[in-house]
Amino acid sequence: MAYVDVGKIVSFASRSRTAVESPRFREYLASGYGTCTDIASAMKEVPKVSIAAIRQMIRTRLAAGSLFPIDGTVLAGKATGKRCPLCRRPILDGDIEQEVVVGPTTVFAHWDCYSIWRQEADAVARTPQHSVKTLTPLHIDRVDGNGINPPTAEYVVSFGGAKDGVGTVVLAKPQGFDALVVLLRGLNIAHAEIGTACQVLTEQAHHEISDVTLTPAVLRRFRL
């Protein structure tokens, strides 16, 4: 059985967020070696999303109107391999697949994700609409590469979830600071906060703006 030095593929794996986040890949990295088959399999693993991150994302999208409340037919069945839109992971054999039908829309989700969705939807239904206020962290990630130039680089702007991209919802991918500034102004981000973001992103690849208010109108503009 062939073993390889995991250290030799770390530089390649670092380009793949999924590989670095894979629990099994981290185990091989700690031990220093593993079989070619095992390492290849670990690098393809989809990272798990924490329950807290899924709940925050669902809560944000429900309050902002980009995720509909559950008020229709719900059917439970065997997994068919479809991707759950809540955690972005496939529904695999052994999982219970929830088929949620609301009007012309059908969504397939894991049982656990559906349960959180149901809990948060019920909580929103009990909350007076005038008191609903959606505050969420806004993440800006610079897409790095060889010879990267921050003012002209590509950026990924997302909300919710964690700064490692798990559980977040992508809003847009502006190219360069000029496009990024236009986008942030459209989100009603303060001028000083935009300046801080650009300054930080010249030195590091990630910046977070906390407690950003996303309205249903803004999310509709981004087709979310």
Protein backbone atom coordinates (compact mmCIF):
# COMPACT_ATOMS: atom_id res chain seq x y z
CA MET A 1 0.00 0.00 0.00
CA ALA A 2 1.46 3.36 -1.04
CA TYR A 3 1.89 6.15 1.50
CA VAL A 4 2.66 9.75 0.70
CA ASP A 5 4.09 12.63 2.66
CA VAL A 6 1.12 14.87 3.46
CA GLY A 7 3.42 17.86 3.81
CA LYS A 8 4.16 17.74 0.08
CA ILE A 9 0.52 18.35 -0.81
CA VAL A 10 -0.28 20.99 1.81
CA SER A 11 0.49 23.83 -0.60
CA PHE A 12 -1.97 22.34 -3.09
CA ALA A 13 -4.61 21.66 -0.45
CA SER A 14 -4.36 25.20 0.89
CA ARG A 15 -5.86 26.37 -2.39
CA SER A 16 -8.95 24.26 -1.61
CA ARG A 17 -10.90 25.46 1.41
CA THR A 18 -12.86 22.17 1.44
CA ALA A 19 -9.68 20.12 1.75
CA VAL A 20 -8.22 22.17 4.59
CA GLU A 21 -11.53 22.08 6.51
CA SER A 22 -11.95 18.32 6.09
CA PRO A 23 -11.56 16.68 9.55
CA ARG A 24 -9.93 13.59 8.07
CA PHE A 25 -7.46 15.69 6.06
CA ARG A 26 -6.43 17.50 9.26
CA GLU A 27 -5.85 14.12 10.91
CA TYR A 28 -3.54 13.06 8.08
CA LEU A 29 -1.80 16.43 8.26
CA ALA A 30 -1.17 15.93 12.00
CA SER A 31 0.19 12.39 11.51
CA GLY A 32 2.35 13.37 8.52
CA TYR A 33 1.34 10.56 6.17
CA GLY A 34 -1.56 8.54 4.79
CA THR A 35 -2.50 6.36 1.83
CA CYS A 36 -3.04 8.07 -1.53
CA THR A 37 -6.63 6.79 -1.62
CA ASP A 38 -7.45 8.01 1.89
CA ILE A 39 -5.97 11.47 1.33
CA ALA A 40 -7.72 11.91 -2.02
CA SER A 41 -11.02 10.92 -0.40
CA ALA A 42 -10.49 13.30 2.54
CA MET A 43 -9.73 16.22 0.23
CA LYS A 44 -13.10 15.71 -1.49
CA GLU A 45 -15.09 15.79 1.74
CA VAL A 46 -17.62 18.58 2.07
CA PRO A 47 -16.98 20.40 5.37
CA LYS A 48 -19.73 20.12 7.96
CA VAL A 49 -21.64 23.24 8.85
CA SER A 50 -22.29 23.88 12.54
CA ILE A 51 -25.86 23.88 13.82
CA ALA A 52 -25.34 27.42 15.11
CA ALA A 53 -24.21 28.64 11.66
CA ILE A 54 -27.20 27.00 9.95
CA ARG A 55 -29.60 28.47 12.50
CA GLN A 56 -28.15 31.98 12.10
CA MET A 57 -28.30 31.76 8.31
CA ILE A 58 -31.91 30.52 8.36
CA ARG A 59 -32.92 33.18 10.88
CA THR A 60 -31.33 35.91 8.77
CA ARG A 61 -32.92 34.76 5.51
CA LEU A 62 -36.37 34.31 7.06
CA ALA A 63 -36.32 37.78 8.61
CA ALA A 64 -35.08 39.33 5.36
CA GLY A 65 -37.66 37.51 3.26
CA SER A 66 -35.22 35.48 1.13
CA LEU A 67 -36.39 32.19 2.68
CA PHE A 68 -40.09 31.43 2.86
CA PRO A 69 -41.79 30.17 6.05
CA ILE A 70 -42.95 26.54 6.02
CA ASP A 71 -46.66 26.56 5.24
CA GLY A 72 -47.45 23.72 2.88
CA THR A 73 -46.96 20.02 2.20
CA VAL A 74 -43.98 18.33 3.84
CA LEU A 75 -43.07 14.75 2.89
CA ALA A 76 -40.34 12.61 4.44
CA GLY A 77 -38.55 9.97 2.43
CA LYS A 78 -35.25 8.29 1.56
CA ALA A 79 -32.32 10.37 0.46
CA THR A 80 -32.01 10.94 -3.29
CA GLY A 81 -28.65 12.72 -3.32
CA LYS A 82 -30.10 16.20 -3.81
CA ARG A 83 -28.23 19.15 -2.27
CA CYS A 84 -29.79 20.74 0.80
CA PRO A 85 -30.09 24.51 0.18
CA LEU A 86 -29.72 25.26 3.88
CA CYS A 87 -26.37 23.64 4.66
CA ARG A 88 -25.22 23.22 1.01
CA ARG A 89 -24.39 19.53 1.63
CA PRO A 90 -25.83 16.57 -0.35
CA ILE A 91 -28.54 14.46 1.28
CA LEU A 92 -26.85 11.06 1.35
CA ASP A 93 -27.97 7.47 1.94
CA GLY A 94 -28.98 7.04 5.56
CA ASP A 95 -30.28 10.61 5.84
CA ILE A 96 -33.99 11.44 5.95
CA GLU A 97 -34.93 13.74 3.09
CA GLN A 98 -37.67 16.31 3.72
CA GLU A 99 -39.57 17.45 0.62
CA VAL A 100 -41.10 20.87 1.39
CA VAL A 101 -43.73 22.07 -1.09
CA VAL A 102 -45.00 25.65 -0.94
CA GLY A 103 -47.03 26.65 -3.99
CA PRO A 104 -44.93 26.08 -7.14
CA THR A 105 -41.70 25.80 -5.12
CA THR A 106 -40.24 22.50 -3.90
CA VAL A 107 -37.22 22.30 -1.62
CA PHE A 108 -35.38 19.19 -0.41
CA ALA A 109 -33.58 19.39 2.93
CA HIS A 110 -31.96 17.25 5.63
CA TRP A 111 -34.21 16.36 8.56
CA ASP A 112 -32.00 18.33 10.97
CA CYS A 113 -31.90 21.39 8.68
CA TYR A 114 -35.67 21.20 8.15
CA SER A 115 -36.22 21.01 11.93
CA ILE A 116 -34.23 24.21 12.48
CA TRP A 117 -36.05 25.85 9.58
CA ARG A 118 -39.40 24.90 11.14
CA GLN A 119 -38.36 26.20 14.58
CA GLU A 120 -37.15 29.53 13.23
CA ALA A 121 -40.16 29.92 10.91
CA ASP A 122 -42.52 29.36 13.83
CA ALA A 123 -40.59 31.92 15.89
CA VAL A 124 -40.88 34.51 13.09
CA ALA A 125 -44.63 33.83 12.82
CA ARG A 126 -45.01 34.61 16.53
CA THR A 127 -43.00 37.85 16.26
CA PRO A 128 -44.81 41.14 15.40
CA GLN A 129 -43.56 42.21 11.98
CA HIS A 130 -42.71 45.74 13.09
CA SER A 131 -40.16 44.35 15.57
CA VAL A 132 -38.27 42.21 13.04
CA LYS A 133 -34.81 43.63 12.36
CA THR A 134 -32.21 41.72 10.40
CA LEU A 135 -28.66 42.28 11.58
CA THR A 136 -25.97 40.05 10.12
CA PRO A 137 -22.19 40.06 9.68
CA LEU A 138 -21.00 40.96 6.17
CA HIS A 139 -17.89 39.10 5.01
CA ILE A 140 -15.51 40.37 2.32
CA ASP A 141 -12.93 37.86 1.08
CA ARG A 142 -10.18 38.64 -1.39
CA VAL A 143 -9.54 35.95 -4.00
CA ASP A 144 -5.78 35.59 -3.79
CA GLY A 145 -3.42 34.26 -6.43
CA ASN A 146 0.02 34.80 -7.90
CA GLY A 147 0.92 38.47 -8.26
CA ILE A 148 -2.24 39.62 -6.52
CA ASN A 149 -2.99 43.35 -6.63
CA PRO A 150 -5.62 44.26 -3.96
CA PRO A 151 -7.10 47.31 -5.80
CA THR A 152 -7.92 45.18 -8.88
CA ALA A 153 -8.43 41.75 -7.29
CA GLU A 154 -11.73 39.85 -7.22
CA TYR A 155 -13.69 39.88 -3.95
CA VAL A 156 -16.46 37.66 -2.58
CA VAL A 157 -19.06 39.48 -0.48
CA SER A 158 -21.31 37.25 1.64
CA PHE A 159 -23.46 37.46 4.76
CA GLY A 160 -24.26 35.25 7.75
CA GLY A 161 -22.33 32.16 8.81
CA ALA A 162 -18.67 32.21 9.73
CA LYS A 163 -15.64 33.96 8.26
CA ASP A 164 -14.39 30.65 6.76
CA GLY A 165 -17.31 30.74 4.33
CA VAL A 166 -19.29 27.91 5.96
CA GLY A 167 -22.97 28.74 6.19
CA THR A 168 -22.66 32.08 4.40
CA VAL A 169 -24.77 33.32 1.48
CA VAL A 170 -22.87 34.98 -1.38
CA LEU A 171 -24.23 38.38 -2.43
CA ALA A 172 -21.81 39.32 -5.20
CA LYS A 173 -18.26 39.00 -6.53
CA PRO A 174 -17.09 42.52 -7.39
CA GLN A 175 -13.86 43.00 -9.36
CA GLY A 176 -11.57 45.59 -7.78
CA PHE A 177 -12.04 48.28 -5.14
CA ASP A 178 -14.17 50.51 -7.37
CA ALA A 179 -16.83 47.82 -7.85
CA LEU A 180 -16.57 46.82 -4.19
CA VAL A 181 -17.18 50.41 -3.05
CA VAL A 182 -20.25 50.69 -5.31
CA LEU A 183 -21.61 47.46 -3.88
CA LEU A 184 -21.06 48.50 -0.26
CA ARG A 185 -22.69 51.87 -0.88
CA GLY A 186 -25.70 50.00 -2.28
CA LEU A 187 -25.88 48.14 1.03
CA ASN A 188 -25.93 51.48 2.88
CA ILE A 189 -22.56 50.86 4.51
CA ALA A 190 -21.15 54.02 6.10
CA HIS A 191 -18.41 55.87 4.18
CA ALA A 192 -15.92 55.43 7.04
CA GLU A 193 -16.65 51.70 7.22
CA ILE A 194 -16.05 51.35 3.47
CA GLY A 195 -12.72 53.16 3.79
CA THR A 196 -11.69 50.87 6.64
CA ALA A 197 -12.63 47.80 4.61
CA CYS A 198 -10.50 48.86 1.63
CA GLN A 199 -7.55 49.65 3.88
CA VAL A 200 -7.75 46.31 5.69
CA LEU A 201 -8.11 44.35 2.44
CA THR A 202 -4.86 45.79 1.10
CA GLU A 203 -3.08 43.95 3.91
CA GLN A 204 -5.19 40.84 4.53
CA ALA A 205 -7.60 38.63 2.62
CA HIS A 206 -10.63 38.86 4.90
CA HIS A 207 -12.62 41.66 6.48
CA GLU A 208 -15.89 41.53 8.40
CA ILE A 209 -18.40 44.32 8.91
CA SER A 210 -20.61 43.43 11.85
CA ASP A 211 -24.32 44.14 12.35
CA VAL A 212 -25.23 45.06 8.77
CA THR A 213 -28.97 45.53 8.15
CA LEU A 214 -30.24 43.63 5.11
CA THR A 215 -33.76 44.49 4.03
CA PRO A 216 -36.01 42.35 1.81
CA ALA A 217 -35.62 44.98 -0.93
CA VAL A 218 -31.82 44.62 -0.86
CA LEU A 219 -31.98 40.82 -1.02
CA ARG A 220 -34.47 40.94 -3.90
CA ARG A 221 -32.02 43.16 -5.76
CA PHE A 222 -29.46 40.35 -5.48
CA ARG A 223 -32.14 37.74 -6.36
CA LEU A 224 -31.89 35.98 -2.99
